[in-house]
Amino acid sequence: MLDNGDADNSFAGLMTAEKYYHKLSKYPPFKCGDKYLDALLDGGFRMGLVHLLIGPRKENSKILLKAAVRSFLPRTERGLNAQKVVYIDGNNRFNPYCLSQFALSLNLNPKLILSKIYIARAFNWSQMVELAQVKLKEIDGIDLVLIDGLTSMFTVKNGKKESLEQKTFKDLKNAINGIKKSIEKSEPIVIISAPKHPDSLYKPVGGKILTHFGCVIIDILQKERMTEYILEQHPFIKRKKVIKWNTISEEIMAKYTKWIADDYELPHEKSKKEDEEKTTSKKSACFGKKDKKDKDNWQKVIQKTPNMGFLKELKNIQLKYKRTKTNKKVQQDKRKNLTLDYYIKNK
């Protein structure tokens, strides 16, 4: 049996689970500034965990740049009250002007913030490995580590996707070991981004070596109408998904307006003869085509519209037109007052 003194010496460097829990719960989660990502993580990024973002480079860089600025907010505003932030840029997307504008929007001093962010750019894979393996662990007192595109510079020969050499994966392991030593030294919050593998929907470039290192894994999928945030792995949060619907810009609205106007004839552009012929036959409520074609055309519209609000607008126009069907003069007046260049005819 060991006495208390021997027991303390034998377990040097270890702590109880209760002490570790109180250490993590001492500080609230850190909000990165993306409300959808913060909602996915039940409040934000947490101390003691390595977070891995897998998705488009532009979206990842935007999240990391916002997180770099918000880390200087006080703890009461869900920041980190940071004194030192390290940003390793592998995608060459670091923009100090955007950081300054975002800092001003948060009533922060841009000059002071830029002086506390240590930026390092990697232009090839060997530089990225050196920064993560050697340079990162030499810095003391880091509050936040941001690595944008850790595996974005994996070698590609002759413009083709080829299998990587074994040395490349060894270098990745060395880079991860350097990040681990920095975590042991300063205990910062670590956020790493990586591009998605071209032959997979969810796996990053770097494979299992990278996913096994990350405690929290988040997939970001960009689609035509929405962006999906999927929480694939977390120590105490179950797998879930948050959807961000893309807003309809004027260009998109004009695009779909032109598409419908080109494919389908509007009622006021048709001749009287065609109108008389169509009153004798049964037609569907879509665009005055045959029944089978109408169903197919309506499905096309549903697939091509940006969101359901667009369809509701079409249905409202259809109801307005239906109410004025009995009076031809009122029909003409209503058609002139329509704000859109298309509407649905219901007979």
Protein backbone atom coordinates (compact mmCIF):
# COMPACT_ATOMS: atom_id res chain seq x y z
CA MET A 1 0.00 0.00 0.00
CA LEU A 2 1.15 3.51 -0.80
CA ASP A 3 0.70 6.33 1.66
CA ASN A 4 -0.95 9.57 0.65
CA GLY A 5 2.33 11.23 -0.29
CA ASP A 6 3.39 8.31 -2.51
CA ALA A 7 -0.07 8.16 -4.07
CA ASP A 8 0.06 11.86 -4.98
CA ASN A 9 3.50 11.41 -6.53
CA SER A 10 2.47 8.29 -8.46
CA PHE A 11 -0.46 10.14 -10.07
CA ALA A 12 1.43 13.34 -10.86
CA GLY A 13 0.00 15.09 -13.92
CA LEU A 14 -3.44 13.49 -13.55
CA MET A 15 -6.68 14.96 -12.19
CA THR A 16 -10.00 13.54 -11.10
CA ALA A 17 -13.00 13.62 -13.42
CA GLU A 18 -14.82 15.89 -10.97
CA LYS A 19 -12.02 18.45 -11.06
CA TYR A 20 -11.91 18.32 -14.85
CA TYR A 21 -15.69 18.83 -15.02
CA HIS A 22 -15.55 21.91 -12.79
CA LYS A 23 -12.68 23.24 -14.87
CA LEU A 24 -14.68 22.99 -18.12
CA SER A 25 -17.95 24.26 -16.63
CA LYS A 26 -16.22 27.30 -15.17
CA TYR A 27 -16.46 29.14 -18.50
CA PRO A 28 -19.51 29.36 -20.79
CA PRO A 29 -19.31 28.16 -24.42
CA PHE A 30 -17.58 30.51 -26.85
CA LYS A 31 -19.84 31.94 -29.57
CA CYS A 32 -18.14 32.19 -32.97
CA GLY A 33 -20.64 34.65 -34.47
CA ASP A 34 -22.47 32.20 -36.75
CA LYS A 35 -25.85 31.77 -35.04
CA TYR A 36 -26.61 28.51 -36.87
CA LEU A 37 -23.31 26.93 -35.85
CA ASP A 38 -23.68 28.16 -32.27
CA ALA A 39 -27.18 26.65 -32.13
CA LEU A 40 -25.83 23.36 -33.48
CA LEU A 41 -23.25 23.21 -30.66
CA ASP A 42 -25.77 24.18 -27.93
CA GLY A 43 -24.15 27.55 -27.31
CA GLY A 44 -20.79 27.44 -29.06
CA PHE A 45 -17.28 26.02 -28.91
CA ARG A 46 -16.09 24.57 -25.62
CA MET A 47 -12.78 24.58 -23.85
CA GLY A 48 -10.74 21.38 -23.93
CA LEU A 49 -12.18 20.10 -27.24
CA VAL A 50 -10.70 20.06 -30.74
CA HIS A 51 -13.28 21.22 -33.28
CA LEU A 52 -13.05 20.14 -36.92
CA LEU A 53 -15.02 21.95 -39.64
CA ILE A 54 -15.41 20.06 -42.94
CA GLY A 55 -16.81 22.04 -45.82
CA PRO A 56 -16.25 24.73 -48.47
CA ARG A 57 -13.15 26.86 -47.98
CA LYS A 58 -14.99 30.17 -48.25
CA GLU A 59 -17.54 29.23 -45.58
CA ASN A 60 -14.86 27.82 -43.25
CA SER A 61 -12.69 30.94 -43.57
CA LYS A 62 -15.66 33.19 -42.83
CA ILE A 63 -16.40 31.29 -39.60
CA LEU A 64 -12.77 31.36 -38.46
CA LEU A 65 -12.34 35.08 -39.15
CA LYS A 66 -15.46 35.90 -37.13
CA ALA A 67 -14.28 33.66 -34.30
CA ALA A 68 -10.91 35.44 -34.23
CA VAL A 69 -12.59 38.82 -33.62
CA ARG A 70 -15.29 37.61 -31.21
CA SER A 71 -12.67 35.95 -29.00
CA PHE A 72 -11.68 39.42 -27.71
CA LEU A 73 -15.14 40.06 -26.29
CA PRO A 74 -15.50 39.63 -22.50
CA ARG A 75 -16.79 36.41 -20.99
CA THR A 76 -20.09 38.07 -20.14
CA GLU A 77 -20.74 38.48 -23.89
CA ARG A 78 -19.76 34.85 -24.62
CA GLY A 79 -16.25 35.77 -25.76
CA LEU A 80 -12.90 34.56 -24.44
CA ASN A 81 -11.40 37.86 -23.28
CA ALA A 82 -8.43 36.67 -25.33
CA GLN A 83 -4.95 38.13 -25.15
CA LYS A 84 -3.34 36.03 -27.86
CA VAL A 85 -4.88 34.35 -30.93
CA VAL A 86 -2.91 32.28 -33.45
CA TYR A 87 -4.28 32.07 -37.00
CA ILE A 88 -2.55 29.67 -39.43
CA ASP A 89 -3.81 30.43 -42.94
CA GLY A 90 -3.58 27.56 -45.41
CA ASN A 91 -6.28 28.85 -47.78
CA ASN A 92 -4.75 32.33 -48.26
CA ARG A 93 -8.05 33.99 -47.29
CA PHE A 94 -7.00 36.04 -44.24
CA ASN A 95 -8.28 39.60 -44.76
CA PRO A 96 -7.32 42.23 -42.13
CA TYR A 97 -9.75 44.76 -43.63
CA CYS A 98 -12.73 42.46 -43.04
CA LEU A 99 -11.49 41.85 -39.50
CA SER A 100 -11.30 45.59 -38.86
CA GLN A 101 -14.85 46.17 -40.13
CA PHE A 102 -16.22 43.31 -38.05
CA ALA A 103 -14.37 44.61 -34.98
CA LEU A 104 -15.94 48.05 -35.44
CA SER A 105 -19.39 46.46 -35.65
CA LEU A 106 -18.73 44.93 -32.21
CA ASN A 107 -17.43 48.25 -30.78
CA LEU A 108 -13.89 46.88 -30.53
CA ASN A 109 -10.61 48.62 -31.34
CA PRO A 110 -9.37 47.21 -34.70
CA LYS A 111 -5.77 48.26 -34.12
CA LEU A 112 -5.64 46.58 -30.72
CA ILE A 113 -7.22 43.39 -32.06
CA LEU A 114 -4.88 43.10 -35.04
CA SER A 115 -1.91 43.51 -32.70
CA LYS A 116 -3.04 40.45 -30.71
CA ILE A 117 -3.64 38.11 -33.67
CA TYR A 118 -0.54 36.20 -34.75
CA ILE A 119 -0.93 35.29 -38.41
CA ALA A 120 1.18 32.71 -40.25
CA ARG A 121 0.62 31.81 -43.90
CA ALA A 122 1.58 28.49 -45.43
CA PHE A 123 2.10 28.31 -49.19
CA ASN A 124 2.93 24.60 -49.44
CA TRP A 125 2.46 21.43 -47.43
CA SER A 126 5.93 21.43 -45.85
CA GLN A 127 5.39 24.96 -44.48
CA MET A 128 2.03 23.95 -43.00
CA VAL A 129 3.62 20.96 -41.24
CA GLU A 130 6.44 23.10 -39.86
CA LEU A 131 4.04 25.74 -38.52
CA ALA A 132 1.83 23.18 -36.79
CA GLN A 133 4.59 20.89 -35.56
CA VAL A 134 7.31 23.35 -34.49
CA LYS A 135 6.22 26.99 -34.40
CA LEU A 136 2.85 26.56 -32.69
CA LYS A 137 4.18 24.90 -29.53
CA GLU A 138 6.80 27.65 -29.09
CA ILE A 139 4.14 30.29 -28.37
CA ASP A 140 2.99 30.68 -24.76
CA GLY A 141 -0.38 31.80 -23.42
CA ILE A 142 -2.54 31.08 -26.48
CA ASP A 143 -6.28 31.48 -25.92
CA LEU A 144 -7.50 30.42 -29.37
CA VAL A 145 -5.87 28.42 -32.18
CA LEU A 146 -7.40 28.73 -35.65
CA ILE A 147 -6.03 26.61 -38.50
CA ASP A 148 -7.70 27.40 -41.81
CA GLY A 149 -7.27 24.57 -44.34
CA LEU A 150 -4.95 22.16 -42.53
CA THR A 151 -5.02 19.63 -45.39
CA SER A 152 -5.94 21.95 -48.27
CA MET A 153 -2.41 21.67 -49.72
CA PHE A 154 -2.20 17.92 -50.06
CA THR A 155 -0.27 17.24 -53.26
CA VAL A 156 -2.14 16.85 -56.55
CA LYS A 157 -0.10 15.79 -59.58
CA ASN A 158 -0.87 16.76 -63.17
CA GLY A 159 -4.24 18.17 -62.13
CA LYS A 160 -5.58 14.70 -61.28
CA LYS A 161 -6.73 13.20 -57.99
CA GLU A 162 -4.06 10.68 -57.09
CA SER A 163 -3.33 8.61 -54.03
CA LEU A 164 -1.09 10.42 -51.58
CA GLU A 165 2.32 9.19 -50.56
CA GLN A 166 2.86 7.58 -47.20
CA LYS A 167 5.20 10.43 -46.23
CA THR A 168 2.33 12.92 -46.55
CA PHE A 169 0.31 11.08 -43.91
CA LYS A 170 3.37 10.88 -41.65
CA ASP A 171 3.72 14.64 -41.96
CA LEU A 172 0.05 15.02 -41.02
CA LYS A 173 0.62 12.94 -37.88
CA ASN A 174 3.61 15.13 -36.98
CA ALA A 175 1.51 18.27 -37.45
CA ILE A 176 -1.21 16.85 -35.19
CA ASN A 177 1.39 15.98 -32.54
CA GLY A 178 2.55 19.60 -32.59
CA ILE A 179 -1.02 20.81 -32.07
CA LYS A 180 -1.41 18.38 -29.15
CA LYS A 181 1.71 19.77 -27.46
CA SER A 182 0.33 23.29 -27.82
CA ILE A 183 -2.92 22.13 -26.19
CA GLU A 184 -1.00 20.61 -23.27
CA LYS A 185 0.98 23.82 -22.86
CA SER A 186 -1.67 26.55 -23.11
CA GLU A 187 -5.04 24.72 -23.14
CA PRO A 188 -6.58 26.88 -25.89
CA ILE A 189 -9.78 26.34 -27.84
CA VAL A 190 -8.76 24.74 -31.15
CA ILE A 191 -10.78 25.12 -34.37
CA ILE A 192 -9.46 23.41 -37.50
CA SER A 193 -10.99 23.56 -40.96
CA ALA A 194 -10.39 21.10 -43.78
CA PRO A 195 -11.81 20.73 -47.29
CA LYS A 196 -14.12 17.88 -48.12
CA HIS A 197 -12.67 14.92 -50.00
CA PRO A 198 -13.78 15.08 -53.67
CA ASP A 199 -14.88 11.43 -53.64
CA SER A 200 -16.89 11.63 -50.41
CA LEU A 201 -19.87 13.57 -49.08
CA TYR A 202 -18.65 13.82 -45.48
CA LYS A 203 -14.99 12.74 -45.10
CA PRO A 204 -12.28 15.43 -45.13
CA VAL A 205 -9.02 15.42 -47.03
CA GLY A 206 -6.74 13.64 -44.58
CA GLY A 207 -9.11 10.77 -43.81
CA LYS A 208 -9.27 8.96 -40.49
CA ILE A 209 -6.06 10.51 -39.19
CA LEU A 210 -7.79 13.89 -39.08
CA THR A 211 -11.24 12.72 -37.95
CA HIS A 212 -9.79 10.65 -35.08
CA PHE A 213 -7.97 13.75 -33.84
CA GLY A 214 -11.10 15.92 -33.77
CA CYS A 215 -13.34 15.63 -30.72
CA VAL A 216 -16.13 17.60 -32.42
CA ILE A 217 -16.74 17.05 -36.14
CA ILE A 218 -19.04 19.37 -38.11
CA ASP A 219 -19.97 18.94 -41.78
CA ILE A 220 -21.02 22.01 -43.76
CA LEU A 221 -22.94 21.20 -46.95
CA GLN A 222 -23.82 24.02 -49.34
CA LYS A 223 -26.77 23.48 -51.66
CA GLU A 224 -28.68 25.66 -54.10
CA ARG A 225 -31.34 26.78 -51.64
CA MET A 226 -29.77 26.13 -48.25
CA THR A 227 -26.67 25.41 -46.18
CA GLU A 228 -26.73 22.40 -43.84
CA TYR A 229 -24.71 22.24 -40.61
CA ILE A 230 -24.45 18.60 -39.48
CA LEU A 231 -22.97 17.62 -36.12
CA GLU A 232 -21.37 14.25 -36.83
CA GLN A 233 -19.52 13.75 -33.54
CA HIS A 234 -19.55 15.35 -30.11
CA PRO A 235 -18.68 13.99 -26.64
CA PHE A 236 -22.07 14.83 -25.08
CA ILE A 237 -24.37 16.16 -27.83
CA LYS A 238 -26.20 13.73 -30.08
CA ARG A 239 -26.00 13.93 -33.85
CA LYS A 240 -28.24 16.65 -35.29
CA LYS A 241 -28.63 19.09 -38.16
CA VAL A 242 -29.38 22.80 -38.54
CA ILE A 243 -30.51 24.31 -41.87
CA LYS A 244 -29.84 27.86 -43.03
CA TRP A 245 -32.10 28.89 -45.91
CA ASN A 246 -30.49 31.12 -48.50
CA THR A 247 -32.21 34.46 -49.08
CA ILE A 248 -33.69 35.31 -52.48
CA SER A 249 -31.72 38.05 -54.19
CA GLU A 250 -33.06 40.27 -56.96
CA GLU A 251 -30.95 38.36 -59.50
CA ILE A 252 -32.47 35.02 -58.50
CA MET A 253 -35.99 36.46 -58.59
CA ALA A 254 -35.37 37.90 -62.07
CA LYS A 255 -33.93 34.58 -63.22
CA TYR A 256 -37.01 32.58 -62.22
CA THR A 257 -39.34 35.28 -63.51
CA LYS A 258 -37.71 35.06 -66.94
CA TRP A 259 -37.73 31.24 -66.85
CA ILE A 260 -41.49 31.09 -66.30
CA ALA A 261 -42.20 33.88 -68.80
CA ASP A 262 -40.16 32.11 -71.49
CA ASP A 263 -41.53 28.61 -70.95
CA TYR A 264 -45.18 29.47 -70.43
CA GLU A 265 -47.38 31.95 -72.31
CA LEU A 266 -49.09 34.51 -70.13
CA PRO A 267 -52.91 34.78 -70.46
CA HIS A 268 -52.92 38.40 -71.66
CA GLU A 269 -50.49 37.47 -74.46
CA LYS A 270 -52.76 34.80 -75.93
CA SER A 271 -55.17 35.46 -78.74
CA LYS A 272 -58.94 35.39 -78.26
CA LYS A 273 -59.20 32.36 -80.50
CA GLU A 274 -56.97 30.28 -78.22
CA ASP A 275 -58.96 31.38 -75.19
CA GLU A 276 -62.25 30.26 -76.79
CA GLU A 277 -60.82 26.86 -77.69
CA LYS A 278 -59.56 26.25 -74.17
CA THR A 279 -62.89 27.05 -72.53
CA THR A 280 -64.40 23.96 -74.21
CA SER A 281 -61.87 21.53 -72.77
CA LYS A 282 -61.04 20.64 -69.20
CA LYS A 283 -57.77 22.12 -68.09
CA SER A 284 -55.77 21.97 -64.90
CA ALA A 285 -55.07 24.94 -62.66
CA CYS A 286 -51.43 25.44 -63.60
CA PHE A 287 -50.51 27.13 -66.86
CA GLY A 288 -53.24 26.28 -69.39
CA LYS A 289 -51.39 23.25 -70.82
CA LYS A 290 -52.67 19.69 -71.09
CA ASP A 291 -53.32 17.83 -67.86
CA LYS A 292 -50.28 15.57 -67.98
CA LYS A 293 -47.92 18.33 -69.00
CA ASP A 294 -49.28 20.65 -66.34
CA LYS A 295 -48.31 18.26 -63.56
CA ASP A 296 -44.80 17.91 -64.95
CA ASN A 297 -44.42 21.66 -65.42
CA TRP A 298 -45.65 22.36 -61.90
CA GLN A 299 -43.06 19.92 -60.53
CA LYS A 300 -40.38 21.76 -62.50
CA VAL A 301 -41.40 25.03 -60.90
CA ILE A 302 -41.29 23.50 -57.42
CA GLN A 303 -37.81 22.10 -58.04
CA LYS A 304 -36.43 25.33 -59.45
CA THR A 305 -37.92 27.80 -56.97
CA PRO A 306 -35.49 28.95 -54.23
CA ASN A 307 -37.86 28.34 -51.30
CA MET A 308 -41.50 27.83 -50.34
CA GLY A 309 -42.11 31.56 -49.89
CA PHE A 310 -41.71 31.90 -53.62
CA LEU A 311 -44.50 29.33 -54.19
CA LYS A 312 -46.82 31.06 -51.71
CA GLU A 313 -46.40 34.25 -53.70
CA LEU A 314 -47.45 32.44 -56.86
CA LYS A 315 -50.53 30.97 -55.14
CA ASN A 316 -51.57 34.41 -53.87
CA ILE A 317 -51.43 35.75 -57.41
CA GLN A 318 -53.49 32.76 -58.58
CA LEU A 319 -56.22 33.54 -56.01
CA LYS A 320 -56.31 37.21 -57.00
CA TYR A 321 -56.80 36.24 -60.63
CA LYS A 322 -59.52 33.70 -59.80
CA ARG A 323 -61.62 36.27 -57.93
CA THR A 324 -61.73 38.55 -60.96
CA LYS A 325 -62.68 35.80 -63.41
CA THR A 326 -66.37 36.77 -63.72
CA ASN A 327 -65.72 40.34 -64.83
CA LYS A 328 -63.49 40.88 -67.86
CA LYS A 329 -62.95 44.58 -67.17
CA VAL A 330 -61.86 43.91 -63.61
CA GLN A 331 -59.58 41.19 -64.95
CA GLN A 332 -57.76 43.65 -67.18
CA ASP A 333 -57.36 46.18 -64.35
CA LYS A 334 -56.03 43.55 -62.00
CA ARG A 335 -53.55 42.27 -64.57
CA LYS A 336 -52.12 45.76 -64.98
CA ASN A 337 -51.71 46.15 -61.23
CA LEU A 338 -49.78 42.88 -60.72
CA THR A 339 -46.28 43.54 -59.44
CA LEU A 340 -44.75 40.39 -61.03
CA ASP A 341 -44.52 39.57 -64.74
CA TYR A 342 -46.20 36.19 -64.39
CA TYR A 343 -49.17 34.62 -62.63
CA ILE A 344 -51.09 31.39 -62.66
CA LYS A 345 -54.31 31.12 -64.63
CA ASN A 346 -57.05 28.96 -63.11
CA LYS A 347 -60.01 27.97 -65.25
